[in-house]
Every structure is written in structure tokens, then in C-alpha cells.
Amino acid sequence: MIRINLLPSEQKKEARALGDLIVGGLVIFAVIVSILALHLYQAKALRDVNKETLRVEKRIKELEDVKEKVEAFKAKNAELERRIKLIQLLEQNRAAQLNVMESLAEAIPQRAWIDKFTETGDKAKVEGIAWNEFTVSDFMKSLKSSNYFNDVELVSIQKKEMQNLPLRSFVIESNLSYSGKVEEGSEDTEKTEKGKNKANL
């Protein structure tokens, strides 16, 4: 079959130009649609990012509030522990002082009297009256055998007459060991008991 093109050459050009225009329009439309789709996708992604950012910021704020509460709890707990330790220390010091005074009372021989007991830190100073030098010596031995008195030293001893009796005034200094108490049955306890028995003799 033979086709015969009867259109003039100008009409052919117009038809070709129209076809090119349509193709160009379709390309431009496709580009616009692509750009619009990309813009919509980016806008959606940006909204999602902003939404996630707000969620994360909200969570961070919640965690910061929790952190502040935890820090406040830690501070209160530390203050409570400090007060408990202070109370325990006061109780220990009170018990230690009672033990020291009890040990001192047990170490005093029958013919000796304490006029003054001075406690400064871990130092003790004992001032008193004794029957004679031997009584002072027995007193010092009893203190040395105690678990609470260390490095017992005689500072001075002088004659002192009271009611026509030739007595001796003395000053003894010693270091204190507040944690010196030991369990019954130990060697130190036996040593203390021996010192007491000797002092009572």
C-alpha cells in the first residue's frame, strides 16, 4: 500500500513544532511534578524530624527533672548519713569516756584520792593525794595495766601534811586510748585483772 502525503511542507513543520511543544510541556510537567513530590517528601521528612526533636527535647527535660530529683535525694541521703555518723561518733565518745573513767576508778588504790582529772584530747592529767610513794607507784602500775592509759608518767610528787599525816601529793600524765577496751578472756584483760589485784594488795 502506498501513502501519499498531501500536506504542504508548512503544515508538516507546524505539526512537528506542535509535537515538540507537547513533548516539552510533558517534560516540564514531569519535572514540576517531580520537584513538587520532592518538596512534599522533604516537608514531610522535616515535620517528622521536628516532631522527633520535640519528643527528644521533652524526654530530655523529663530526664533532667529526674536527675534533679536524684541529686536532691543524694544530697539529703548524704546529709542523713553525716548526721548518723555524727550521732554514732558522739555515742562512741560518750561510751569511751565512761570506760576511761571506770578504768580510772578501778585503778585507784585504797589509800589514794583523786583531786582533779583533766582530759584534753588524747591526753590525761591526774592530780591527787596518796598515803606514800608506794601507793603512787601502785596507782601508776594499775594505770599502765589498763587498756585505756598509755605512757603513764609521774610528773611530780611532793610531801603534803594533812591532819598531821605525812601524805604525798602527785601529778600523773598519760596518753588515752579510747578504743582500748578488749573482750573478756583476752591476755590484756588478764593483765588488767592482775594489775587490779596487785593494787588492792
N, C-alpha and C. Protein backbone atom coordinates (compact mmCIF):
# COMPACT_ATOMS: atom_id res chain seq x y z
N MET A 1 0.85 -1.19 0.00
CA MET A 1 0.00 0.00 0.00
C MET A 1 0.87 1.22 0.00
N ILE A 2 0.60 2.14 -0.81
CA ILE A 2 1.40 3.35 -0.98
C ILE A 2 0.64 4.52 -0.41
N ARG A 3 1.36 5.29 0.59
CA ARG A 3 0.77 6.50 1.16
C ARG A 3 1.29 7.71 0.42
N ILE A 4 0.41 8.64 0.23
CA ILE A 4 0.82 9.87 -0.44
C ILE A 4 0.56 11.01 0.51
N ASN A 5 1.60 11.74 0.92
CA ASN A 5 1.48 12.86 1.82
C ASN A 5 1.06 14.07 1.03
N LEU A 6 -0.17 14.49 1.31
CA LEU A 6 -0.72 15.61 0.57
C LEU A 6 -0.58 16.92 1.30
N LEU A 7 -0.03 16.88 2.64
CA LEU A 7 0.09 18.12 3.42
C LEU A 7 1.23 18.94 2.88
N PRO A 8 1.04 20.15 2.86
CA PRO A 8 2.13 21.04 2.41
C PRO A 8 3.27 21.00 3.43
N SER A 9 4.41 21.45 3.07
CA SER A 9 5.61 21.43 3.93
C SER A 9 5.43 22.32 5.15
N GLU A 10 4.69 23.40 5.07
CA GLU A 10 4.49 24.30 6.21
C GLU A 10 3.65 23.62 7.28
N GLN A 11 2.63 22.87 6.80
CA GLN A 11 1.80 22.17 7.77
C GLN A 11 2.62 21.10 8.48
N LYS A 12 3.54 20.48 7.74
CA LYS A 12 4.41 19.48 8.37
C LYS A 12 5.25 20.13 9.47
N LYS A 13 5.78 21.28 9.19
CA LYS A 13 6.59 21.98 10.18
C LYS A 13 5.77 22.33 11.42
N GLU A 14 4.51 22.80 11.16
CA GLU A 14 3.66 23.17 12.27
C GLU A 14 3.32 21.95 13.13
N ALA A 15 3.08 20.85 12.43
CA ALA A 15 2.75 19.62 13.17
C ALA A 15 3.94 19.16 13.99
N ARG A 16 5.15 19.25 13.40
CA ARG A 16 6.37 18.85 14.12
C ARG A 16 6.60 19.77 15.32
N ALA A 17 6.37 21.08 15.14
CA ALA A 17 6.56 22.04 16.22
C ALA A 17 5.56 21.80 17.33
N LEU A 18 4.31 21.46 16.93
CA LEU A 18 3.30 21.18 17.94
C LEU A 18 3.66 19.94 18.75
N GLY A 19 4.17 18.94 18.01
CA GLY A 19 4.60 17.71 18.71
C GLY A 19 5.73 18.00 19.68
N ASP A 20 6.70 18.81 19.22
CA ASP A 20 7.81 19.15 20.11
C ASP A 20 7.33 19.94 21.33
N LEU A 21 6.35 20.82 21.08
CA LEU A 21 5.82 21.61 22.18
C LEU A 21 5.12 20.74 23.22
N ILE A 22 4.36 19.77 22.70
CA ILE A 22 3.65 18.85 23.61
C ILE A 22 4.65 18.03 24.41
N VAL A 23 5.67 17.53 23.71
CA VAL A 23 6.70 16.74 24.41
C VAL A 23 7.41 17.60 25.45
N GLY A 24 7.77 18.84 25.08
CA GLY A 24 8.42 19.74 26.01
C GLY A 24 7.54 20.04 27.21
N GLY A 25 6.22 20.23 26.92
CA GLY A 25 5.29 20.51 28.02
C GLY A 25 5.19 19.32 28.99
N LEU A 26 5.15 18.13 28.36
CA LEU A 26 5.09 16.94 29.21
C LEU A 26 6.35 16.81 30.07
N VAL A 27 7.51 17.13 29.49
CA VAL A 27 8.77 17.05 30.24
C VAL A 27 8.77 18.06 31.39
N ILE A 28 8.32 19.27 31.06
CA ILE A 28 8.27 20.31 32.10
C ILE A 28 7.29 19.92 33.20
N PHE A 29 6.13 19.36 32.78
CA PHE A 29 5.14 18.92 33.77
C PHE A 29 5.73 17.82 34.67
N ALA A 30 6.44 16.90 34.00
CA ALA A 30 7.05 15.81 34.79
C ALA A 30 8.10 16.36 35.77
N VAL A 31 8.87 17.36 35.31
CA VAL A 31 9.87 17.96 36.19
C VAL A 31 9.19 18.68 37.36
N ILE A 32 8.11 19.42 37.05
CA ILE A 32 7.39 20.14 38.09
C ILE A 32 6.80 19.16 39.10
N VAL A 33 6.19 18.09 38.57
CA VAL A 33 5.62 17.07 39.47
C VAL A 33 6.71 16.45 40.34
N SER A 34 7.88 16.19 39.71
CA SER A 34 8.98 15.60 40.48
C SER A 34 9.45 16.56 41.58
N ILE A 35 9.60 17.85 41.21
CA ILE A 35 10.02 18.85 42.19
C ILE A 35 9.01 18.97 43.31
N LEU A 36 7.72 18.99 42.92
CA LEU A 36 6.67 19.10 43.92
C LEU A 36 6.67 17.88 44.85
N ALA A 37 6.82 16.70 44.24
CA ALA A 37 6.86 15.48 45.06
C ALA A 37 8.05 15.50 46.01
N LEU A 38 9.22 15.93 45.47
CA LEU A 38 10.40 16.02 46.31
C LEU A 38 10.20 17.02 47.44
N HIS A 39 9.57 18.14 47.10
CA HIS A 39 9.30 19.17 48.11
C HIS A 39 8.36 18.63 49.19
N LEU A 40 7.30 17.93 48.76
CA LEU A 40 6.38 17.35 49.73
C LEU A 40 7.07 16.31 50.61
N TYR A 41 7.95 15.49 49.98
CA TYR A 41 8.68 14.48 50.76
C TYR A 41 9.61 15.14 51.78
N GLN A 42 10.32 16.17 51.32
CA GLN A 42 11.21 16.88 52.23
C GLN A 42 10.43 17.58 53.34
N ALA A 43 9.28 18.15 53.01
CA ALA A 43 8.45 18.80 54.02
C ALA A 43 7.97 17.78 55.06
N LYS A 44 7.55 16.61 54.57
CA LYS A 44 7.12 15.55 55.49
C LYS A 44 8.30 15.08 56.37
N ALA A 45 9.47 14.91 55.73
CA ALA A 45 10.65 14.49 56.49
C ALA A 45 11.01 15.55 57.53
N LEU A 46 10.90 16.83 57.15
CA LEU A 46 11.21 17.91 58.09
C LEU A 46 10.23 17.91 59.25
N ARG A 47 8.92 17.69 58.94
CA ARG A 47 7.93 17.62 60.01
C ARG A 47 8.23 16.45 60.95
N ASP A 48 8.61 15.32 60.36
CA ASP A 48 8.95 14.16 61.19
C ASP A 48 10.16 14.44 62.08
N VAL A 49 11.17 15.12 61.46
CA VAL A 49 12.36 15.47 62.24
C VAL A 49 12.01 16.43 63.37
N ASN A 50 11.19 17.44 63.06
CA ASN A 50 10.78 18.39 64.09
C ASN A 50 9.98 17.71 65.19
N LYS A 51 9.11 16.79 64.78
CA LYS A 51 8.31 16.05 65.75
C LYS A 51 9.20 15.20 66.64
N GLU A 52 10.18 14.52 66.02
CA GLU A 52 11.11 13.69 66.80
C GLU A 52 11.98 14.56 67.70
N THR A 53 12.37 15.74 67.21
CA THR A 53 13.17 16.66 68.03
C THR A 53 12.41 17.11 69.26
N LEU A 54 11.12 17.46 69.04
CA LEU A 54 10.29 17.86 70.18
C LEU A 54 10.13 16.72 71.18
N ARG A 55 9.97 15.49 70.66
CA ARG A 55 9.83 14.34 71.54
C ARG A 55 11.10 14.12 72.35
N VAL A 56 12.25 14.22 71.66
CA VAL A 56 13.53 14.04 72.34
C VAL A 56 13.77 15.13 73.37
N GLU A 57 13.45 16.40 73.00
CA GLU A 57 13.61 17.50 73.94
C GLU A 57 12.71 17.31 75.17
N LYS A 58 11.49 16.83 74.95
CA LYS A 58 10.58 16.58 76.06
C LYS A 58 11.14 15.49 76.97
N ARG A 59 11.69 14.43 76.32
CA ARG A 59 12.28 13.33 77.11
C ARG A 59 13.50 13.80 77.89
N ILE A 60 14.30 14.65 77.23
CA ILE A 60 15.48 15.19 77.91
C ILE A 60 15.07 16.01 79.12
N LYS A 61 14.03 16.83 78.97
CA LYS A 61 13.54 17.62 80.09
C LYS A 61 13.04 16.72 81.22
N GLU A 62 12.33 15.65 80.85
CA GLU A 62 11.86 14.71 81.87
C GLU A 62 13.05 14.07 82.59
N LEU A 63 14.08 13.68 81.82
CA LEU A 63 15.26 13.07 82.43
C LEU A 63 16.01 14.08 83.32
N GLU A 64 16.02 15.35 82.88
CA GLU A 64 16.66 16.38 83.71
C GLU A 64 15.92 16.55 85.04
N ASP A 65 14.58 16.50 84.96
CA ASP A 65 13.79 16.59 86.19
C ASP A 65 14.08 15.41 87.11
N VAL A 66 14.18 14.21 86.48
CA VAL A 66 14.51 13.02 87.27
C VAL A 66 15.90 13.15 87.86
N LYS A 67 16.84 13.67 87.06
CA LYS A 67 18.22 13.85 87.54
C LYS A 67 18.26 14.82 88.73
N GLU A 68 17.50 15.92 88.63
CA GLU A 68 17.45 16.87 89.74
C GLU A 68 16.90 16.22 91.00
N LYS A 69 15.85 15.38 90.83
CA LYS A 69 15.28 14.70 91.99
C LYS A 69 16.28 13.71 92.58
N VAL A 70 17.02 13.02 91.69
CA VAL A 70 18.03 12.06 92.16
C VAL A 70 19.14 12.79 92.91
N GLU A 71 19.59 13.93 92.35
CA GLU A 71 20.65 14.71 93.01
C GLU A 71 20.17 15.22 94.37
N ALA A 72 18.91 15.68 94.40
CA ALA A 72 18.36 16.16 95.67
C ALA A 72 18.28 15.02 96.69
N PHE A 73 17.88 13.84 96.20
CA PHE A 73 17.81 12.67 97.09
C PHE A 73 19.20 12.30 97.59
N LYS A 74 20.20 12.34 96.69
CA LYS A 74 21.56 12.02 97.09
C LYS A 74 22.06 13.01 98.15
N ALA A 75 21.75 14.29 97.95
CA ALA A 75 22.18 15.31 98.91
C ALA A 75 21.52 15.07 100.28
N LYS A 76 20.21 14.77 100.27
CA LYS A 76 19.52 14.50 101.54
C LYS A 76 20.07 13.24 102.19
N ASN A 77 20.34 12.23 101.36
CA ASN A 77 20.88 10.98 101.89
C ASN A 77 22.27 11.18 102.49
N ALA A 78 23.10 11.99 101.80
CA ALA A 78 24.44 12.27 102.32
C ALA A 78 24.37 13.04 103.64
N GLU A 79 23.43 13.98 103.73
CA GLU A 79 23.25 14.74 104.97
C GLU A 79 22.77 13.83 106.09
N LEU A 80 21.86 12.91 105.75
CA LEU A 80 21.36 11.97 106.73
C LEU A 80 22.48 11.06 107.23
N GLU A 81 23.30 10.56 106.29
CA GLU A 81 24.43 9.71 106.68
C GLU A 81 25.42 10.47 107.55
N ARG A 82 25.64 11.75 107.22
CA ARG A 82 26.56 12.56 108.02
C ARG A 82 26.03 12.71 109.45
N ARG A 83 24.74 12.95 109.58
CA ARG A 83 24.15 13.10 110.91
C ARG A 83 24.20 11.78 111.68
N ILE A 84 23.95 10.67 110.98
CA ILE A 84 24.01 9.37 111.64
C ILE A 84 25.42 9.09 112.13
N LYS A 85 26.42 9.38 111.29
CA LYS A 85 27.81 9.17 111.69
C LYS A 85 28.18 10.07 112.87
N LEU A 86 27.66 11.30 112.86
CA LEU A 86 27.93 12.21 113.97
C LEU A 86 27.33 11.68 115.26
N ILE A 87 26.09 11.18 115.17
CA ILE A 87 25.45 10.61 116.36
C ILE A 87 26.22 9.38 116.85
N GLN A 88 26.64 8.53 115.90
CA GLN A 88 27.42 7.35 116.28
C GLN A 88 28.74 7.75 116.93
N LEU A 89 29.37 8.79 116.39
CA LEU A 89 30.63 9.25 116.96
C LEU A 89 30.43 9.79 118.37
N LEU A 90 29.35 10.55 118.57
CA LEU A 90 29.05 11.07 119.90
C LEU A 90 28.78 9.94 120.88
N GLU A 91 28.05 8.93 120.42
CA GLU A 91 27.77 7.79 121.29
C GLU A 91 29.05 7.05 121.63
N GLN A 92 29.93 6.87 120.62
CA GLN A 92 31.20 6.20 120.86
C GLN A 92 32.07 6.99 121.83
N ASN A 93 32.10 8.31 121.65
CA ASN A 93 32.90 9.15 122.54
C ASN A 93 32.37 9.10 123.97
N ARG A 94 31.05 9.12 124.08
CA ARG A 94 30.46 9.06 125.42
C ARG A 94 30.78 7.73 126.08
N ALA A 95 30.63 6.64 125.32
CA ALA A 95 30.94 5.32 125.86
C ALA A 95 32.42 5.22 126.20
N ALA A 96 33.28 5.78 125.34
CA ALA A 96 34.72 5.73 125.59
C ALA A 96 35.09 6.50 126.85
N GLN A 97 34.49 7.68 127.06
CA GLN A 97 34.76 8.46 128.26
C GLN A 97 34.30 7.72 129.51
N LEU A 98 33.15 7.06 129.42
CA LEU A 98 32.68 6.27 130.56
C LEU A 98 33.65 5.13 130.87
N ASN A 99 34.16 4.50 129.82
CA ASN A 99 35.11 3.41 130.01
C ASN A 99 36.40 3.92 130.64
N VAL A 100 36.85 5.09 130.20
CA VAL A 100 38.07 5.67 130.77
C VAL A 100 37.88 5.97 132.25
N MET A 101 36.75 6.59 132.59
CA MET A 101 36.51 6.94 133.99
C MET A 101 36.35 5.68 134.85
N GLU A 102 35.71 4.67 134.29
CA GLU A 102 35.55 3.42 135.02
C GLU A 102 36.91 2.76 135.26
N SER A 103 37.75 2.77 134.23
CA SER A 103 39.08 2.19 134.37
C SER A 103 39.91 2.97 135.38
N LEU A 104 39.78 4.30 135.38
CA LEU A 104 40.49 5.13 136.35
C LEU A 104 40.04 4.82 137.77
N ALA A 105 38.73 4.69 137.95
CA ALA A 105 38.20 4.41 139.29
C ALA A 105 38.68 3.06 139.79
N GLU A 106 38.76 2.10 138.90
CA GLU A 106 39.21 0.76 139.30
C GLU A 106 40.70 0.73 139.60
N ALA A 107 41.46 1.64 139.01
CA ALA A 107 42.91 1.64 139.20
C ALA A 107 43.35 2.36 140.47
N ILE A 108 42.48 3.15 141.09
CA ILE A 108 42.87 3.93 142.28
C ILE A 108 43.06 2.99 143.48
N PRO A 109 44.22 2.99 144.11
CA PRO A 109 44.42 2.17 145.31
C PRO A 109 43.56 2.66 146.48
N GLN A 110 43.49 1.86 147.52
CA GLN A 110 42.65 2.19 148.66
C GLN A 110 43.14 3.45 149.39
N ARG A 111 44.46 3.66 149.41
CA ARG A 111 45.00 4.80 150.15
C ARG A 111 45.43 5.93 149.21
N ALA A 112 44.62 6.18 148.22
CA ALA A 112 44.88 7.29 147.29
C ALA A 112 43.55 7.95 146.94
N TRP A 113 43.61 9.27 146.68
CA TRP A 113 42.42 10.03 146.35
C TRP A 113 42.72 10.91 145.13
N ILE A 114 41.76 11.05 144.27
CA ILE A 114 41.91 11.90 143.09
C ILE A 114 41.26 13.24 143.38
N ASP A 115 42.06 14.31 143.27
CA ASP A 115 41.53 15.67 143.44
C ASP A 115 41.03 16.25 142.12
N LYS A 116 41.76 15.91 141.05
CA LYS A 116 41.43 16.53 139.77
C LYS A 116 41.84 15.61 138.63
N PHE A 117 40.95 15.47 137.65
CA PHE A 117 41.24 14.69 136.44
C PHE A 117 40.95 15.58 135.24
N THR A 118 41.99 15.84 134.45
CA THR A 118 41.85 16.72 133.28
C THR A 118 42.06 15.89 132.01
N GLU A 119 41.11 16.01 131.10
CA GLU A 119 41.16 15.26 129.83
C GLU A 119 41.19 16.26 128.68
N THR A 120 42.29 16.24 127.92
CA THR A 120 42.44 17.16 126.78
C THR A 120 42.82 16.33 125.55
N GLY A 121 41.84 16.13 124.68
CA GLY A 121 42.11 15.31 123.51
C GLY A 121 42.43 13.89 123.92
N ASP A 122 43.62 13.42 123.54
CA ASP A 122 44.04 12.07 123.92
C ASP A 122 45.06 12.11 125.05
N LYS A 123 45.04 13.20 125.83
CA LYS A 123 45.94 13.35 126.97
C LYS A 123 45.13 13.42 128.26
N ALA A 124 45.69 12.83 129.31
CA ALA A 124 45.03 12.86 130.61
C ALA A 124 46.02 13.31 131.68
N LYS A 125 45.52 14.07 132.64
CA LYS A 125 46.33 14.55 133.76
C LYS A 125 45.57 14.25 135.05
N VAL A 126 46.24 13.51 135.94
CA VAL A 126 45.62 13.09 137.20
C VAL A 126 46.36 13.76 138.35
N GLU A 127 45.64 14.47 139.20
CA GLU A 127 46.21 15.11 140.38
C GLU A 127 45.50 14.56 141.61
N GLY A 128 46.31 14.16 142.61
CA GLY A 128 45.67 13.59 143.78
C GLY A 128 46.59 13.50 144.98
N ILE A 129 46.11 12.80 146.02
CA ILE A 129 46.82 12.61 147.27
C ILE A 129 46.95 11.11 147.52
N ALA A 130 48.14 10.68 147.97
CA ALA A 130 48.36 9.27 148.28
C ALA A 130 48.99 9.13 149.65
N TRP A 131 48.88 7.94 150.19
CA TRP A 131 49.41 7.66 151.52
C TRP A 131 50.93 7.82 151.54
N ASN A 132 51.59 7.26 150.50
CA ASN A 132 53.04 7.36 150.40
C ASN A 132 53.47 7.11 148.95
N GLU A 133 54.79 7.05 148.73
CA GLU A 133 55.33 6.85 147.40
C GLU A 133 54.92 5.48 146.83
N PHE A 134 54.84 4.48 147.68
CA PHE A 134 54.49 3.14 147.23
C PHE A 134 53.05 3.08 146.70
N THR A 135 52.20 3.84 147.34
CA THR A 135 50.81 3.90 146.87
C THR A 135 50.73 4.55 145.50
N VAL A 136 51.51 5.62 145.30
CA VAL A 136 51.56 6.27 143.99
C VAL A 136 52.11 5.30 142.94
N SER A 137 53.14 4.54 143.33
CA SER A 137 53.71 3.57 142.41
C SER A 137 52.70 2.49 142.02
N ASP A 138 51.94 2.02 143.00
CA ASP A 138 50.90 1.03 142.72
C ASP A 138 49.82 1.60 141.80
N PHE A 139 49.50 2.86 142.04
CA PHE A 139 48.50 3.52 141.19
C PHE A 139 48.97 3.59 139.74
N MET A 140 50.24 3.96 139.56
CA MET A 140 50.79 4.05 138.22
C MET A 140 50.83 2.68 137.54
N LYS A 141 51.17 1.64 138.29
CA LYS A 141 51.19 0.29 137.72
C LYS A 141 49.79 -0.14 137.28
N SER A 142 48.80 0.21 138.09
CA SER A 142 47.42 -0.13 137.72
C SER A 142 46.99 0.61 136.46
N LEU A 143 47.38 1.88 136.35
CA LEU A 143 47.05 2.64 135.14
C LEU A 143 47.74 2.04 133.92
N LYS A 144 49.00 1.64 134.08
CA LYS A 144 49.74 1.05 132.96
C LYS A 144 49.12 -0.27 132.51
N SER A 145 48.55 -0.99 133.45
CA SER A 145 47.92 -2.27 133.10
C SER A 145 46.54 -2.07 132.47
N SER A 146 46.02 -0.86 132.55
CA SER A 146 44.72 -0.56 131.94
C SER A 146 44.87 -0.48 130.44
N ASN A 147 43.78 -0.81 129.76
CA ASN A 147 43.77 -0.73 128.29
C ASN A 147 43.52 0.69 127.77
N TYR A 148 43.24 1.61 128.66
CA TYR A 148 42.88 2.96 128.24
C TYR A 148 43.96 3.99 128.53
N PHE A 149 44.95 3.65 129.34
CA PHE A 149 46.01 4.58 129.70
C PHE A 149 47.35 4.05 129.18
N ASN A 150 48.04 4.88 128.39
CA ASN A 150 49.33 4.51 127.82
C ASN A 150 50.37 5.57 128.18
N ASP A 151 51.62 5.13 128.23
CA ASP A 151 52.73 6.05 128.51
C ASP A 151 52.49 6.84 129.80
N VAL A 152 52.21 6.11 130.87
CA VAL A 152 51.94 6.74 132.16
C VAL A 152 53.25 7.26 132.75
N GLU A 153 53.26 8.54 133.11
CA GLU A 153 54.48 9.17 133.66
C GLU A 153 54.15 9.97 134.92
N LEU A 154 55.07 9.90 135.88
CA LEU A 154 54.94 10.69 137.10
C LEU A 154 55.56 12.06 136.86
N VAL A 155 54.76 13.10 136.88
CA VAL A 155 55.25 14.46 136.64
C VAL A 155 55.87 15.03 137.90
N SER A 156 55.18 14.84 139.02
CA SER A 156 55.72 15.37 140.29
C SER A 156 55.11 14.62 141.46
N ILE A 157 55.86 14.58 142.57
CA ILE A 157 55.37 14.04 143.83
C ILE A 157 56.00 14.85 144.96
N GLN A 158 55.15 15.32 145.88
CA GLN A 158 55.63 16.20 146.94
C GLN A 158 54.98 15.81 148.27
N LYS A 159 55.71 16.11 149.34
CA LYS A 159 55.17 15.88 150.67
C LYS A 159 54.06 16.89 150.95
N LYS A 160 53.01 16.39 151.57
CA LYS A 160 51.89 17.28 151.91
C LYS A 160 51.27 16.77 153.20
N GLU A 161 51.29 17.60 154.20
CA GLU A 161 50.76 17.21 155.51
C GLU A 161 49.30 17.59 155.62
N MET A 162 48.49 16.62 155.97
CA MET A 162 47.06 16.84 156.14
C MET A 162 46.62 16.16 157.43
N GLN A 163 46.06 16.95 158.36
CA GLN A 163 45.61 16.44 159.66
C GLN A 163 46.74 15.69 160.36
N ASN A 164 47.91 16.32 160.30
CA ASN A 164 49.12 15.80 160.95
C ASN A 164 49.59 14.47 160.35
N LEU A 165 49.16 14.20 159.12
CA LEU A 165 49.60 12.98 158.43
C LEU A 165 50.56 13.35 157.31
N PRO A 166 51.71 12.69 157.20
CA PRO A 166 52.68 12.99 156.14
C PRO A 166 52.29 12.30 154.82
N LEU A 167 51.43 12.93 154.07
CA LEU A 167 50.93 12.36 152.80
C LEU A 167 51.78 12.86 151.63
N ARG A 168 51.39 12.40 150.44
CA ARG A 168 52.10 12.79 149.21
C ARG A 168 51.09 13.28 148.16
N SER A 169 51.35 14.48 147.65
CA SER A 169 50.55 14.97 146.51
C SER A 169 51.29 14.60 145.23
N PHE A 170 50.55 14.20 144.22
CA PHE A 170 51.20 13.73 142.99
C PHE A 170 50.45 14.25 141.76
N VAL A 171 51.21 14.27 140.67
CA VAL A 171 50.64 14.62 139.36
C VAL A 171 51.12 13.56 138.37
N ILE A 172 50.18 12.92 137.71
CA ILE A 172 50.49 11.86 136.73
C ILE A 172 49.88 12.26 135.39
N GLU A 173 50.64 12.08 134.33
CA GLU A 173 50.14 12.34 132.98
C GLU A 173 50.19 11.05 132.17
N SER A 174 49.25 10.96 131.20
CA SER A 174 49.16 9.74 130.41
C SER A 174 48.47 10.03 129.09
N ASN A 175 48.76 9.16 128.12
CA ASN A 175 48.01 9.19 126.87
C ASN A 175 46.77 8.33 127.03
N LEU A 176 45.69 8.71 126.34
CA LEU A 176 44.44 7.97 126.41
C LEU A 176 44.19 7.19 125.14
N SER A 177 43.69 5.99 125.29
CA SER A 177 43.29 5.16 124.15
C SER A 177 41.81 4.85 124.32
N TYR A 178 40.96 5.60 123.60
CA TYR A 178 39.52 5.44 123.78
C TYR A 178 38.99 4.12 123.25
N SER A 179 39.71 3.50 122.34
CA SER A 179 39.28 2.22 121.78
C SER A 179 40.04 1.06 122.40
N GLY A 180 40.49 1.24 123.62
CA GLY A 180 41.36 0.24 124.23
C GLY A 180 40.63 -0.92 124.87
N LYS A 181 39.31 -0.90 124.91
CA LYS A 181 38.59 -1.96 125.58
C LYS A 181 38.70 -3.25 124.79
N VAL A 182 38.96 -4.37 125.46
CA VAL A 182 39.09 -5.67 124.82
C VAL A 182 38.06 -6.61 125.41
N GLU A 183 37.87 -7.73 124.73
CA GLU A 183 36.89 -8.70 125.19
C GLU A 183 37.41 -9.45 126.41
N GLU A 184 36.48 -9.91 127.22
CA GLU A 184 36.87 -10.64 128.40
C GLU A 184 37.51 -11.96 128.00
N GLY A 185 38.52 -12.37 128.75
CA GLY A 185 39.20 -13.62 128.46
C GLY A 185 40.46 -13.43 127.66
N SER A 186 40.74 -12.20 127.17
CA SER A 186 41.93 -11.95 126.39
C SER A 186 43.11 -11.73 127.32
N GLU A 187 44.29 -11.73 126.75
CA GLU A 187 45.50 -11.53 127.53
C GLU A 187 45.52 -10.16 128.18
N ASP A 188 45.04 -9.14 127.46
CA ASP A 188 45.04 -7.79 128.02
C ASP A 188 44.12 -7.71 129.24
N THR A 189 42.99 -8.43 129.17
CA THR A 189 42.07 -8.41 130.30
C THR A 189 42.70 -9.09 131.51
N GLU A 190 43.39 -10.22 131.26
CA GLU A 190 44.06 -10.91 132.35
C GLU A 190 45.13 -10.02 132.97
N LYS A 191 45.84 -9.28 132.11
CA LYS A 191 46.87 -8.37 132.60
C LYS A 191 46.25 -7.28 133.47
N THR A 192 45.07 -6.78 133.04
CA THR A 192 44.40 -5.75 133.82
C THR A 192 43.96 -6.28 135.18
N GLU A 193 43.42 -7.51 135.19
CA GLU A 193 42.96 -8.10 136.44
C GLU A 193 44.14 -8.29 137.40
N LYS A 194 45.29 -8.71 136.88
CA LYS A 194 46.47 -8.88 137.71
C LYS A 194 46.89 -7.55 138.33
N GLY A 195 46.82 -6.48 137.51
CA GLY A 195 47.19 -5.16 138.00
C GLY A 195 46.25 -4.70 139.10
N LYS A 196 44.95 -5.01 138.94
CA LYS A 196 43.98 -4.61 139.96
C LYS A 196 44.25 -5.36 141.28
N ASN A 197 44.49 -6.68 141.15
CA ASN A 197 44.73 -7.47 142.36
C ASN A 197 45.97 -6.99 143.09
N LYS A 198 47.00 -6.67 142.32
CA LYS A 198 48.23 -6.19 142.94
C LYS A 198 48.03 -4.85 143.61
N ALA A 199 47.22 -4.01 142.98
CA ALA A 199 46.96 -2.68 143.57
C ALA A 199 46.19 -2.80 144.87
N ASN A 200 45.27 -3.78 144.91
CA ASN A 200 44.48 -3.93 146.13
C ASN A 200 45.29 -4.51 147.29
N LEU A 201 46.37 -5.19 146.96
CA LEU A 201 47.25 -5.68 147.99
C LEU A 201 47.96 -4.52 148.63
